[in-house]
Amino acid sequence: MNLQAPELILILVIVLLLFGAKKLPDLASSMGRSIKSFRRASQEEDDAAAAEAAATTTTEAGPAA
């Protein structure tokens, strides 16, 4: 889906009409915080899964002889 300039301008105008010029900075700020929070939670989940996989691999291998 390739959006050209006219489509982007139309979307921007609709968003501006729906939310108003005063609410756009707040909306963008909250959207940025949400994305940052999502990325942080996703990274923590990946780190926890990697640590669990490493622990499982270590215990399955047994002690080194």
N, C-alpha and C. Protein backbone atom coordinates (compact mmCIF):
# COMPACT_ATOMS: atom_id res chain seq x y z
N MET A 1 0.85 -1.17 0.00
CA MET A 1 0.00 0.00 0.00
C MET A 1 0.90 1.23 0.00
N ASN A 2 0.94 1.92 -1.11
CA ASN A 2 1.76 3.12 -1.24
C ASN A 2 0.88 4.34 -1.12
N LEU A 3 1.15 5.15 -0.11
CA LEU A 3 0.40 6.38 0.05
C LEU A 3 1.16 7.52 -0.60
N GLN A 4 0.48 8.23 -1.43
CA GLN A 4 1.07 9.38 -2.10
C GLN A 4 0.75 10.64 -1.29
N ALA A 5 1.30 11.76 -1.69
CA ALA A 5 1.12 13.02 -0.98
C ALA A 5 -0.35 13.41 -0.83
N PRO A 6 -1.19 13.33 -1.86
CA PRO A 6 -2.59 13.73 -1.68
C PRO A 6 -3.32 12.90 -0.63
N GLU A 7 -3.04 11.59 -0.58
CA GLU A 7 -3.69 10.75 0.42
C GLU A 7 -3.22 11.11 1.83
N LEU A 8 -1.94 11.37 1.97
CA LEU A 8 -1.42 11.75 3.29
C LEU A 8 -1.98 13.08 3.76
N ILE A 9 -2.10 14.01 2.84
CA ILE A 9 -2.67 15.33 3.19
C ILE A 9 -4.12 15.17 3.60
N LEU A 10 -4.88 14.35 2.88
CA LEU A 10 -6.28 14.12 3.22
C LEU A 10 -6.40 13.49 4.61
N ILE A 11 -5.57 12.50 4.91
CA ILE A 11 -5.59 11.87 6.23
C ILE A 11 -5.25 12.89 7.31
N LEU A 12 -4.25 13.72 7.08
CA LEU A 12 -3.87 14.74 8.04
C LEU A 12 -5.00 15.73 8.29
N VAL A 13 -5.68 16.14 7.24
CA VAL A 13 -6.81 17.08 7.38
C VAL A 13 -7.93 16.43 8.18
N ILE A 14 -8.22 15.17 7.93
CA ILE A 14 -9.28 14.49 8.67
C ILE A 14 -8.92 14.37 10.14
N VAL A 15 -7.68 14.01 10.43
CA VAL A 15 -7.23 13.91 11.83
C VAL A 15 -7.30 15.28 12.50
N LEU A 16 -6.90 16.31 11.79
CA LEU A 16 -6.96 17.67 12.34
C LEU A 16 -8.39 18.07 12.65
N LEU A 17 -9.32 17.73 11.77
CA LEU A 17 -10.72 18.06 12.01
C LEU A 17 -11.31 17.27 13.16
N LEU A 18 -10.92 16.01 13.28
CA LEU A 18 -11.46 15.17 14.35
C LEU A 18 -10.95 15.57 15.73
N PHE A 19 -9.67 15.83 15.83
CA PHE A 19 -9.07 16.05 17.15
C PHE A 19 -8.80 17.52 17.46
N GLY A 20 -8.67 18.35 16.47
CA GLY A 20 -8.37 19.76 16.71
C GLY A 20 -6.88 19.99 16.87
N ALA A 21 -6.48 21.21 16.56
CA ALA A 21 -5.05 21.55 16.58
C ALA A 21 -4.45 21.50 17.98
N LYS A 22 -5.24 21.78 19.00
CA LYS A 22 -4.70 21.80 20.37
C LYS A 22 -4.46 20.40 20.91
N LYS A 23 -5.19 19.42 20.42
CA LYS A 23 -5.05 18.05 20.94
C LYS A 23 -3.98 17.25 20.21
N LEU A 24 -3.56 17.67 19.04
CA LEU A 24 -2.59 16.89 18.27
C LEU A 24 -1.26 16.67 19.00
N PRO A 25 -0.66 17.67 19.63
CA PRO A 25 0.59 17.40 20.35
C PRO A 25 0.41 16.39 21.49
N ASP A 26 -0.71 16.49 22.21
CA ASP A 26 -0.98 15.52 23.28
C ASP A 26 -1.18 14.13 22.71
N LEU A 27 -1.88 14.04 21.60
CA LEU A 27 -2.12 12.76 20.96
C LEU A 27 -0.81 12.14 20.50
N ALA A 28 0.05 12.92 19.87
CA ALA A 28 1.34 12.42 19.40
C ALA A 28 2.22 11.99 20.57
N SER A 29 2.19 12.76 21.63
CA SER A 29 3.00 12.44 22.81
C SER A 29 2.54 11.13 23.45
N SER A 30 1.25 10.97 23.61
CA SER A 30 0.75 9.73 24.22
C SER A 30 1.00 8.54 23.31
N MET A 31 0.93 8.75 22.01
CA MET A 31 1.22 7.67 21.07
C MET A 31 2.69 7.26 21.17
N GLY A 32 3.59 8.23 21.29
CA GLY A 32 5.00 7.94 21.45
C GLY A 32 5.30 7.18 22.73
N ARG A 33 4.66 7.58 23.83
CA ARG A 33 4.83 6.87 25.09
C ARG A 33 4.33 5.44 24.99
N SER A 34 3.21 5.25 24.31
CA SER A 34 2.65 3.90 24.15
C SER A 34 3.59 3.01 23.35
N ILE A 35 4.14 3.54 22.28
CA ILE A 35 5.07 2.77 21.47
C ILE A 35 6.32 2.41 22.26
N LYS A 36 6.83 3.38 23.02
CA LYS A 36 8.02 3.13 23.84
C LYS A 36 7.74 2.06 24.89
N SER A 37 6.57 2.12 25.51
CA SER A 37 6.20 1.13 26.51
C SER A 37 6.06 -0.26 25.89
N PHE A 38 5.46 -0.31 24.70
CA PHE A 38 5.31 -1.59 24.01
C PHE A 38 6.66 -2.19 23.66
N ARG A 39 7.57 -1.37 23.15
CA ARG A 39 8.91 -1.87 22.80
C ARG A 39 9.65 -2.35 24.03
N ARG A 40 9.53 -1.63 25.14
CA ARG A 40 10.21 -2.02 26.38
C ARG A 40 9.66 -3.37 26.87
N ALA A 41 8.34 -3.54 26.86
CA ALA A 41 7.74 -4.79 27.30
C ALA A 41 8.13 -5.93 26.37
N SER A 42 8.17 -5.67 25.10
CA SER A 42 8.56 -6.69 24.13
C SER A 42 10.01 -7.11 24.36
N GLN A 43 10.88 -6.16 24.59
CA GLN A 43 12.30 -6.46 24.83
C GLN A 43 12.46 -7.26 26.12
N GLU A 44 11.72 -6.89 27.17
CA GLU A 44 11.81 -7.62 28.43
C GLU A 44 11.34 -9.06 28.24
N GLU A 45 10.30 -9.25 27.45
CA GLU A 45 9.79 -10.60 27.17
C GLU A 45 10.84 -11.41 26.42
N ASP A 46 11.48 -10.79 25.43
CA ASP A 46 12.52 -11.48 24.67
C ASP A 46 13.70 -11.84 25.58
N ASP A 47 14.09 -10.92 26.46
CA ASP A 47 15.20 -11.19 27.37
C ASP A 47 14.85 -12.33 28.33
N ALA A 48 13.62 -12.34 28.84
CA ALA A 48 13.21 -13.40 29.75
C ALA A 48 13.19 -14.75 29.05
N ALA A 49 12.71 -14.77 27.82
CA ALA A 49 12.67 -16.03 27.06
C ALA A 49 14.09 -16.52 26.77
N ALA A 50 14.99 -15.63 26.45
CA ALA A 50 16.38 -16.01 26.18
C ALA A 50 17.05 -16.54 27.45
N ALA A 51 16.80 -15.90 28.58
CA ALA A 51 17.38 -16.35 29.84
C ALA A 51 16.83 -17.72 30.21
N GLU A 52 15.54 -17.93 29.99
CA GLU A 52 14.94 -19.23 30.29
C GLU A 52 15.50 -20.31 29.38
N ALA A 53 15.67 -19.99 28.12
CA ALA A 53 16.24 -20.96 27.18
C ALA A 53 17.67 -21.30 27.57
N ALA A 54 18.44 -20.32 27.98
CA ALA A 54 19.82 -20.56 28.39
C ALA A 54 19.87 -21.42 29.65
N ALA A 55 18.97 -21.16 30.59
CA ALA A 55 18.94 -21.95 31.82
C ALA A 55 18.53 -23.38 31.52
N THR A 56 17.57 -23.56 30.63
CA THR A 56 17.12 -24.91 30.27
C THR A 56 18.23 -25.67 29.58
N THR A 57 18.94 -25.01 28.69
CA THR A 57 20.04 -25.65 27.97
C THR A 57 21.16 -26.06 28.93
N THR A 58 21.45 -25.22 29.90
CA THR A 58 22.51 -25.50 30.87
C THR A 58 22.12 -26.69 31.75
N THR A 59 20.86 -26.76 32.21
CA THR A 59 20.47 -27.85 33.09
C THR A 59 20.32 -29.15 32.33
N GLU A 60 19.94 -29.12 31.04
CA GLU A 60 19.82 -30.34 30.25
C GLU A 60 21.20 -30.93 29.93
N ALA A 61 22.19 -30.08 29.76
CA ALA A 61 23.53 -30.55 29.43
C ALA A 61 24.18 -31.26 30.62
N GLY A 62 23.75 -30.88 31.79
CA GLY A 62 24.32 -31.49 32.98
C GLY A 62 25.63 -30.85 33.36
N PRO A 63 26.21 -31.26 34.47
CA PRO A 63 27.48 -30.67 34.88
C PRO A 63 28.60 -31.12 33.96
N ALA A 64 29.54 -30.26 33.80
CA ALA A 64 30.71 -30.57 32.94
C ALA A 64 31.58 -31.58 33.65
N ALA A 65 32.10 -32.53 32.92
CA ALA A 65 32.92 -33.58 33.51
C ALA A 65 34.38 -33.18 33.52
